[in-house]
Protein backbone atom coordinates (compact mmCIF):
# COMPACT_ATOMS: atom_id res chain seq x y z
CA UNK A 1 152.51 61.22 115.65
CA UNK A 2 154.13 61.22 119.07
CA UNK A 3 153.05 58.31 121.27
CA UNK A 4 150.60 59.35 123.99
CA UNK A 5 152.93 57.98 126.70
CA UNK A 6 155.80 60.15 125.41
CA UNK A 7 153.50 63.15 125.01
CA UNK A 8 152.34 62.78 128.61
CA UNK A 9 155.97 62.54 129.75
CA UNK A 10 156.68 65.83 127.95
CA UNK A 11 153.58 67.79 128.97
CA UNK A 12 152.33 66.12 132.16
CA UNK A 13 149.41 67.79 133.88
CA UNK A 14 148.76 70.08 130.90
CA UNK A 15 146.96 67.01 129.54
CA UNK A 16 144.04 65.00 130.84
CA UNK A 17 144.12 61.23 130.36
CA UNK A 18 140.82 59.49 129.66
CA UNK A 19 140.58 56.60 132.16
CA UNK A 20 138.12 54.54 130.09
CA UNK A 21 139.33 51.41 128.32
CA UNK A 22 138.00 52.06 124.82
CA UNK A 23 138.35 49.55 121.99
CA UNK A 24 140.28 50.43 118.82
CA UNK A 25 137.73 49.69 116.08
CA UNK A 26 138.92 51.80 113.15
CA UNK A 27 141.52 51.03 110.51
CA UNK A 28 143.83 53.61 112.11
CA UNK A 29 144.87 53.28 115.75
CA UNK A 30 146.87 56.51 116.09
CA UNK A 31 145.11 59.79 115.36
CA UNK A 32 144.96 63.35 116.64
CA UNK A 33 143.37 66.69 115.88
CA UNK A 34 141.23 69.46 117.28
CA UNK A 35 138.12 68.36 119.17
CA UNK A 36 134.60 68.69 117.80
CA UNK A 37 131.78 67.35 119.94
CA UNK A 38 128.35 65.79 119.78
CA UNK A 39 126.30 64.93 122.85
CA UNK A 40 123.45 62.56 122.12
CA UNK A 41 121.76 59.52 123.64
CA UNK A 42 120.81 56.56 121.48
CA UNK A 43 120.24 58.93 118.53
CA UNK A 44 122.90 59.33 115.86
CA UNK A 45 121.31 61.95 113.57
CA UNK A 46 123.69 64.67 114.78
CA UNK A 47 126.70 62.35 114.42
CA UNK A 48 125.70 61.70 110.81
CA UNK A 49 125.13 65.41 110.11
CA UNK A 50 128.43 66.53 111.64
CA UNK A 51 130.44 63.81 109.85
CA UNK A 52 129.04 65.11 106.55
CA UNK A 53 130.65 68.53 107.12
CA UNK A 54 134.31 69.41 106.46
CA UNK A 55 136.37 67.76 109.20
CA UNK A 56 139.69 69.43 108.36
CA UNK A 57 141.56 66.82 110.40
CA UNK A 58 139.37 67.13 113.50
CA UNK A 59 138.44 64.34 115.90
CA UNK A 60 134.75 63.93 116.70
CA UNK A 61 134.17 63.21 120.38
CA UNK A 62 130.72 61.73 120.90
CA UNK A 63 129.23 61.61 124.38
CA UNK A 64 126.62 58.91 124.01
CA UNK A 65 126.17 58.55 127.74
CA UNK A 66 127.98 55.21 127.68
CA UNK A 67 124.96 53.42 126.24
CA UNK A 68 125.62 50.14 124.47
CA UNK A 69 121.93 49.61 123.57
CA UNK A 70 122.31 50.99 120.02
CA UNK A 71 125.09 52.11 117.70
CA UNK A 72 125.99 55.76 117.22
CA UNK A 73 128.19 55.16 114.15
CA UNK A 74 128.09 52.65 111.33
CA UNK A 75 130.09 52.13 108.16
CA UNK A 76 128.18 54.71 106.10
CA UNK A 77 128.70 57.49 108.66
CA UNK A 78 132.37 56.51 109.10
CA UNK A 79 132.89 56.50 105.31
CA UNK A 80 131.29 59.95 105.13
CA UNK A 81 133.69 61.16 107.84
CA UNK A 82 136.65 59.86 105.85
CA UNK A 83 135.34 61.53 102.68
CA UNK A 84 134.99 64.83 104.55
CA UNK A 85 138.48 64.82 106.09
CA UNK A 86 137.90 63.77 109.70
CA UNK A 87 140.87 62.16 111.50
CA UNK A 88 138.82 59.96 113.80
CA UNK A 89 136.09 59.56 116.37
CA UNK A 90 136.08 58.83 120.09
CA UNK A 91 132.68 57.45 121.06
CA UNK A 92 131.37 56.98 124.59
CA UNK A 93 128.94 54.42 123.27
CA UNK A 94 128.71 51.69 120.63
CA UNK A 95 129.29 51.41 116.90
CA UNK A 96 128.17 48.84 114.34
CA UNK A 97 129.66 47.53 111.09
CA UNK A 98 132.97 47.16 112.92
CA UNK A 99 134.62 44.99 110.24
CA UNK A 100 133.86 47.55 107.52
CA UNK A 101 134.97 50.45 109.74
CA UNK A 102 138.15 48.53 110.52
CA UNK A 103 138.94 48.60 106.80
CA UNK A 104 138.71 52.40 106.57
CA UNK A 105 141.61 54.81 106.99
CA UNK A 106 139.87 56.30 109.99
CA UNK A 107 140.49 56.13 113.73
CA UNK A 108 137.61 54.95 115.91
CA UNK A 109 137.68 54.31 119.62
CA UNK A 110 134.42 53.21 121.24
CA UNK A 111 133.14 51.24 124.22
CA UNK A 112 132.00 48.38 122.01
CA UNK A 113 129.62 47.26 119.30
CA UNK A 114 125.92 46.60 118.83
CA UNK A 115 124.19 45.85 115.50
CA UNK A 116 121.04 47.73 116.57
CA UNK A 117 120.37 51.07 114.84
CA UNK A 118 119.85 54.17 116.95
CA UNK A 119 117.01 56.67 116.75
CA UNK A 120 117.19 59.41 114.10
CA UNK A 121 115.29 62.27 115.76
CA UNK A 122 118.26 64.64 115.97
CA UNK A 123 118.16 64.99 119.75
CA UNK A 124 121.33 66.37 121.30
CA UNK A 125 123.83 69.22 120.98
CA UNK A 126 126.99 69.92 119.00
CA UNK A 127 130.18 71.86 119.68
CA UNK A 128 129.65 72.14 123.45
CA UNK A 129 132.09 70.88 126.10
CA UNK A 130 131.35 67.27 127.05
CA UNK A 131 132.56 65.29 130.03
CA UNK A 132 133.44 61.63 129.62
CA UNK A 133 135.03 59.59 132.39
CA UNK A 134 135.70 62.75 134.38
CA UNK A 135 137.61 64.35 131.48
CA UNK A 136 136.28 67.47 129.75
CA UNK A 137 136.60 67.66 125.97
CA UNK A 138 136.31 71.26 124.78
CA UNK A 139 135.77 72.09 121.10
CA UNK A 140 139.08 73.23 119.60
CA UNK A 141 141.30 71.56 122.22
CA UNK A 142 143.83 69.10 120.81
CA UNK A 143 143.24 65.39 121.40
CA UNK A 144 145.62 62.50 120.79
CA UNK A 145 144.66 58.82 120.64
CA UNK A 146 146.69 55.66 120.19
CA UNK A 147 146.83 52.10 121.47
CA UNK A 148 147.63 53.35 125.00
CA UNK A 149 144.65 55.67 125.31
CA UNK A 150 143.41 59.22 124.87
CA UNK A 151 144.94 62.52 125.98
CA UNK A 152 143.33 65.95 125.66
CA UNK A 153 144.50 69.45 126.46
CA UNK A 154 143.03 70.77 129.70
């Protein structure tokens, strides 16, 4: 994969740079793929459902509203994502089971961690554009993530 800094040098304003300082919590720190989205708040049922579908190398972008009160992904959901061919997840919220997730061949960037489970009601939407940190992530757009940050096609 091309480093995000080099990619930005090549493509410039064709790409949006996520200004949030997310933590690398997965076992892979460099990942890319087409965007798929979930928008939910303190409820990870849709995250679990989407990660159990064929990922085909996609990156799941989860707009959790920035809440750190409960985790939107744990080791079982992350393992399911790996099994189903997802490249990684970018989560505007928290995860749990960070040590186990760090041992998976899966990229995860999130705001932080919290051991508390989230609700399971299924509230939210999938495959709609989401805005995080002033950057719009549209389903199907390419996203690149590494130790320097996250870039997405405008």
